[in-house]
Structures are given as structure tokens and as C-alpha cells.
Amino acid sequence: MTVACGFSGHGFKFVPVVGEIVADLALTGTTAHPIGLFDPRRLAAAPA
């Protein structure tokens, strides 16, 4: 399951690209769009 949420009232303008990204992730597990900034693993502590 892939979920896209957290948009404010102005979020509708992002629907075309978010829909494409979500479809890519759901169907292939990857996308050509640069989404690394949204990866929750970026918050993990760096190895010591």
C-alpha cells in the first residue's frame, strides 16, 4: 500500500506529480523523481 497525505488546502496543485510518483512506487517500487528528501530513513542516526 502506498499512501500520500499531509497536504494543506493548497496541496491540490501537486496532485499530478504526486499521483505519478505514487503510481510508480506502487507498480514498480521506484520512481524517476528525486524523492530521497522524503525517505524516513534519512532521520536515522549515522553509524558511529
N, C-alpha and C. Protein backbone atom coordinates (compact mmCIF):
# COMPACT_ATOMS: atom_id res chain seq x y z
N MET A 1 0.84 -1.15 0.00
CA MET A 1 0.00 0.00 0.00
C MET A 1 0.90 1.23 0.00
N THR A 2 0.55 2.17 -0.82
CA THR A 2 1.27 3.44 -0.87
C THR A 2 0.27 4.55 -0.55
N VAL A 3 0.65 5.41 0.38
CA VAL A 3 -0.24 6.48 0.84
C VAL A 3 0.45 7.82 0.64
N ALA A 4 -0.28 8.78 0.12
CA ALA A 4 0.22 10.16 0.02
C ALA A 4 -0.76 11.03 0.80
N CYS A 5 -0.26 11.68 1.83
CA CYS A 5 -1.13 12.50 2.66
C CYS A 5 -0.35 13.67 3.24
N GLY A 6 -1.05 14.52 3.96
CA GLY A 6 -0.41 15.64 4.63
C GLY A 6 -0.42 16.93 3.83
N PHE A 7 -1.26 17.00 2.83
CA PHE A 7 -1.32 18.20 2.02
C PHE A 7 -2.29 19.21 2.64
N SER A 8 -1.95 20.47 2.55
CA SER A 8 -2.84 21.52 3.04
C SER A 8 -3.86 21.82 1.95
N GLY A 9 -4.61 22.88 2.14
CA GLY A 9 -5.61 23.26 1.14
C GLY A 9 -5.01 23.59 -0.21
N HIS A 10 -3.73 23.91 -0.24
CA HIS A 10 -3.06 24.23 -1.50
C HIS A 10 -2.42 23.01 -2.14
N GLY A 11 -2.53 21.87 -1.50
CA GLY A 11 -1.88 20.66 -1.98
C GLY A 11 -2.41 20.13 -3.29
N PHE A 12 -3.61 20.55 -3.67
CA PHE A 12 -4.20 20.03 -4.90
C PHE A 12 -3.32 20.31 -6.11
N LYS A 13 -2.52 21.35 -6.07
CA LYS A 13 -1.70 21.69 -7.22
C LYS A 13 -0.55 20.70 -7.43
N PHE A 14 -0.28 19.87 -6.42
CA PHE A 14 0.79 18.88 -6.52
C PHE A 14 0.26 17.50 -6.94
N VAL A 15 -1.04 17.37 -7.07
CA VAL A 15 -1.65 16.07 -7.35
C VAL A 15 -1.10 15.39 -8.60
N PRO A 16 -0.88 16.09 -9.71
CA PRO A 16 -0.38 15.38 -10.90
C PRO A 16 0.96 14.68 -10.67
N VAL A 17 1.91 15.37 -10.07
CA VAL A 17 3.23 14.74 -9.88
C VAL A 17 3.19 13.73 -8.73
N VAL A 18 2.44 14.02 -7.67
CA VAL A 18 2.35 13.07 -6.56
C VAL A 18 1.65 11.80 -7.03
N GLY A 19 0.63 11.93 -7.83
CA GLY A 19 -0.06 10.77 -8.38
C GLY A 19 0.87 9.92 -9.23
N GLU A 20 1.70 10.56 -10.02
CA GLU A 20 2.66 9.82 -10.84
C GLU A 20 3.68 9.10 -9.97
N ILE A 21 4.17 9.77 -8.94
CA ILE A 21 5.15 9.16 -8.04
C ILE A 21 4.53 7.98 -7.30
N VAL A 22 3.34 8.16 -6.77
CA VAL A 22 2.67 7.08 -6.03
C VAL A 22 2.40 5.90 -6.95
N ALA A 23 1.95 6.17 -8.17
CA ALA A 23 1.71 5.08 -9.12
C ALA A 23 3.01 4.34 -9.44
N ASP A 24 4.08 5.09 -9.67
CA ASP A 24 5.39 4.45 -9.93
C ASP A 24 5.79 3.56 -8.77
N LEU A 25 5.70 4.09 -7.55
CA LEU A 25 6.11 3.32 -6.37
C LEU A 25 5.25 2.08 -6.17
N ALA A 26 3.94 2.22 -6.39
CA ALA A 26 3.04 1.09 -6.20
C ALA A 26 3.26 0.00 -7.26
N LEU A 27 3.56 0.41 -8.48
CA LEU A 27 3.68 -0.56 -9.57
C LEU A 27 5.08 -1.14 -9.74
N THR A 28 6.10 -0.32 -9.50
CA THR A 28 7.47 -0.77 -9.77
C THR A 28 8.39 -0.71 -8.56
N GLY A 29 7.97 0.00 -7.52
CA GLY A 29 8.81 0.12 -6.33
C GLY A 29 9.87 1.20 -6.43
N THR A 30 9.88 1.94 -7.53
CA THR A 30 10.85 3.01 -7.73
C THR A 30 10.22 4.10 -8.58
N THR A 31 10.88 5.24 -8.63
CA THR A 31 10.40 6.34 -9.46
C THR A 31 11.60 7.12 -9.97
N ALA A 32 11.43 7.78 -11.10
CA ALA A 32 12.50 8.60 -11.67
C ALA A 32 12.60 9.96 -10.96
N HIS A 33 11.60 10.30 -10.17
CA HIS A 33 11.59 11.58 -9.47
C HIS A 33 12.52 11.54 -8.25
N PRO A 34 13.17 12.64 -7.94
CA PRO A 34 14.08 12.69 -6.78
C PRO A 34 13.30 12.80 -5.47
N ILE A 35 13.05 11.68 -4.82
CA ILE A 35 12.22 11.69 -3.61
C ILE A 35 13.00 11.34 -2.35
N GLY A 36 14.32 11.33 -2.43
CA GLY A 36 15.16 10.98 -1.28
C GLY A 36 14.93 11.86 -0.07
N LEU A 37 14.57 13.10 -0.30
CA LEU A 37 14.31 14.03 0.79
C LEU A 37 13.15 13.55 1.67
N PHE A 38 12.27 12.75 1.13
CA PHE A 38 11.09 12.27 1.86
C PHE A 38 11.28 10.89 2.46
N ASP A 39 12.46 10.32 2.33
CA ASP A 39 12.74 8.98 2.87
C ASP A 39 12.88 9.06 4.38
N PRO A 40 12.05 8.35 5.14
CA PRO A 40 12.15 8.42 6.60
C PRO A 40 13.49 7.91 7.14
N ARG A 41 14.20 7.11 6.36
CA ARG A 41 15.49 6.61 6.81
C ARG A 41 16.54 7.72 6.92
N ARG A 42 16.26 8.87 6.32
CA ARG A 42 17.21 9.98 6.40
C ARG A 42 17.35 10.49 7.83
N LEU A 43 16.38 10.17 8.68
CA LEU A 43 16.39 10.62 10.07
C LEU A 43 17.14 9.67 11.00
N ALA A 44 17.50 8.51 10.49
CA ALA A 44 18.21 7.52 11.31
C ALA A 44 19.60 8.05 11.66
N ALA A 45 20.06 7.68 12.82
CA ALA A 45 21.39 8.11 13.25
C ALA A 45 22.46 7.50 12.35
N ALA A 46 23.49 8.27 12.07
CA ALA A 46 24.60 7.78 11.26
C ALA A 46 25.40 6.77 12.08
N PRO A 47 25.94 5.75 11.44
CA PRO A 47 26.74 4.76 12.18
C PRO A 47 27.95 5.43 12.84
N ALA A 48 28.28 4.97 14.02
CA ALA A 48 29.41 5.55 14.76
C ALA A 48 30.73 5.06 14.26
